[in-house]
Amino acid sequence: MAAYVIAQLTVHDRERYGRYAAAFLPTLAPYDGRLLAADEAPELLEGDWPHQKVVLIAFPDKAQARAWAEGPEYQAIAGDRLAATTTTALIVDGMPG
């Protein structure tokens, strides 16, 4: 079953985040990940949202999503994101079929 990573970010260090973003896409390929959305101006429909950016990534399943997040390709750049942002990230199951 497909799985999705949803990340909500507030960027505090634009230069360091830019370095992370430039290296991000190649980390997905070994895990069959696909960047579906990355928006720094999402439209809030309801409630409060304290972040600046939302990212949506698709993976074949939760195991691939976790393998990507914990894998050496992503871990090599994750320090820049951790230092440059405040982030909330989730892995969610897709719907069957």
Protein backbone atom coordinates (compact mmCIF):
# COMPACT_ATOMS: atom_id res chain seq x y z
CA MET A 1 0.00 0.00 0.00
CA ALA A 2 1.33 3.44 -0.89
CA ALA A 3 2.61 5.67 1.90
CA TYR A 4 3.14 9.39 2.04
CA VAL A 5 5.51 11.62 3.94
CA ILE A 6 3.98 14.95 4.88
CA ALA A 7 6.39 17.57 6.20
CA GLN A 8 5.49 21.00 7.56
CA LEU A 9 8.41 23.38 7.86
CA THR A 10 9.28 26.80 9.17
CA VAL A 11 12.60 27.97 7.74
CA HIS A 12 14.93 29.90 10.06
CA ASP A 13 18.16 29.76 8.03
CA ARG A 14 17.41 30.23 4.33
CA GLU A 15 21.01 29.66 3.16
CA ARG A 16 21.40 26.35 4.95
CA TYR A 17 17.93 25.23 3.89
CA GLY A 18 18.81 26.08 0.30
CA ARG A 19 21.82 23.77 0.50
CA TYR A 20 19.55 20.99 1.81
CA ALA A 21 16.89 21.60 -0.86
CA ALA A 22 19.48 21.50 -3.66
CA ALA A 23 20.56 18.00 -2.61
CA PHE A 24 17.11 16.65 -1.71
CA LEU A 25 15.61 15.17 -4.90
CA PRO A 26 18.37 12.61 -5.62
CA THR A 27 17.81 11.07 -2.17
CA LEU A 28 14.35 9.86 -3.24
CA ALA A 29 15.30 7.74 -6.28
CA PRO A 30 16.85 4.74 -4.46
CA TYR A 31 13.57 4.33 -2.51
CA ASP A 32 11.15 4.91 -5.41
CA GLY A 33 10.06 8.17 -3.79
CA ARG A 34 8.27 10.88 -5.76
CA LEU A 35 7.95 14.50 -4.73
CA LEU A 36 4.26 15.32 -5.25
CA ALA A 37 4.09 18.82 -3.78
CA ALA A 38 6.33 21.46 -2.21
CA ASP A 39 4.56 24.73 -1.49
CA GLU A 40 5.81 27.76 0.43
CA ALA A 41 2.44 29.48 0.20
CA PRO A 42 -0.27 26.86 0.87
CA GLU A 43 -3.80 28.11 1.24
CA LEU A 44 -5.11 27.57 4.77
CA LEU A 45 -8.65 26.26 4.67
CA GLU A 46 -9.30 25.84 8.38
CA GLY A 47 -7.65 26.22 11.78
CA ASP A 48 -4.23 27.54 12.70
CA TRP A 49 -1.06 26.59 10.86
CA PRO A 50 2.22 27.94 12.23
CA HIS A 51 4.50 26.80 9.37
CA GLN A 52 5.67 28.30 6.06
CA LYS A 53 6.03 25.27 3.80
CA VAL A 54 4.44 21.89 3.20
CA VAL A 55 6.01 18.96 1.35
CA LEU A 56 4.27 15.78 0.17
CA ILE A 57 6.27 12.73 -0.95
CA ALA A 58 4.91 9.38 -2.19
CA PHE A 59 6.55 6.00 -1.60
CA PRO A 60 5.45 2.48 -2.56
CA ASP A 61 4.92 1.62 1.13
CA LYS A 62 5.83 2.62 4.69
CA ALA A 63 8.94 0.44 4.67
CA GLN A 64 10.36 2.40 1.71
CA ALA A 65 9.44 5.72 3.36
CA ARG A 66 11.24 4.73 6.57
CA ALA A 67 14.21 3.36 4.62
CA TRP A 68 14.52 6.71 2.83
CA ALA A 69 14.25 8.75 6.05
CA GLU A 70 16.84 6.58 7.79
CA GLY A 71 19.01 5.90 4.74
CA PRO A 72 22.52 7.22 4.15
CA GLU A 73 21.51 9.44 1.22
CA TYR A 74 18.99 11.42 3.24
CA GLN A 75 20.94 11.34 6.49
CA ALA A 76 23.90 12.95 4.69
CA ILE A 77 21.83 16.12 4.14
CA ALA A 78 19.35 15.98 7.05
CA GLY A 79 21.65 17.94 9.38
CA ASP A 80 21.15 21.06 7.27
CA ARG A 81 17.36 20.73 7.45
CA LEU A 82 17.43 20.08 11.17
CA ALA A 83 19.57 23.16 11.76
CA ALA A 84 17.66 25.38 9.33
CA THR A 85 14.03 24.58 10.14
CA THR A 86 11.42 23.68 12.68
CA THR A 87 9.69 20.66 11.17
CA THR A 88 6.77 18.36 11.82
CA ALA A 89 6.89 15.21 9.65
CA LEU A 90 4.55 12.24 9.35
CA ILE A 91 4.36 8.98 7.44
CA VAL A 92 0.76 8.11 6.54
CA ASP A 93 -0.77 5.10 4.81
CA GLY A 94 -2.48 5.61 1.50
CA MET A 95 -5.89 4.22 0.81
CA PRO A 96 -6.19 0.67 -0.55
CA GLY A 97 -6.84 0.29 -4.26
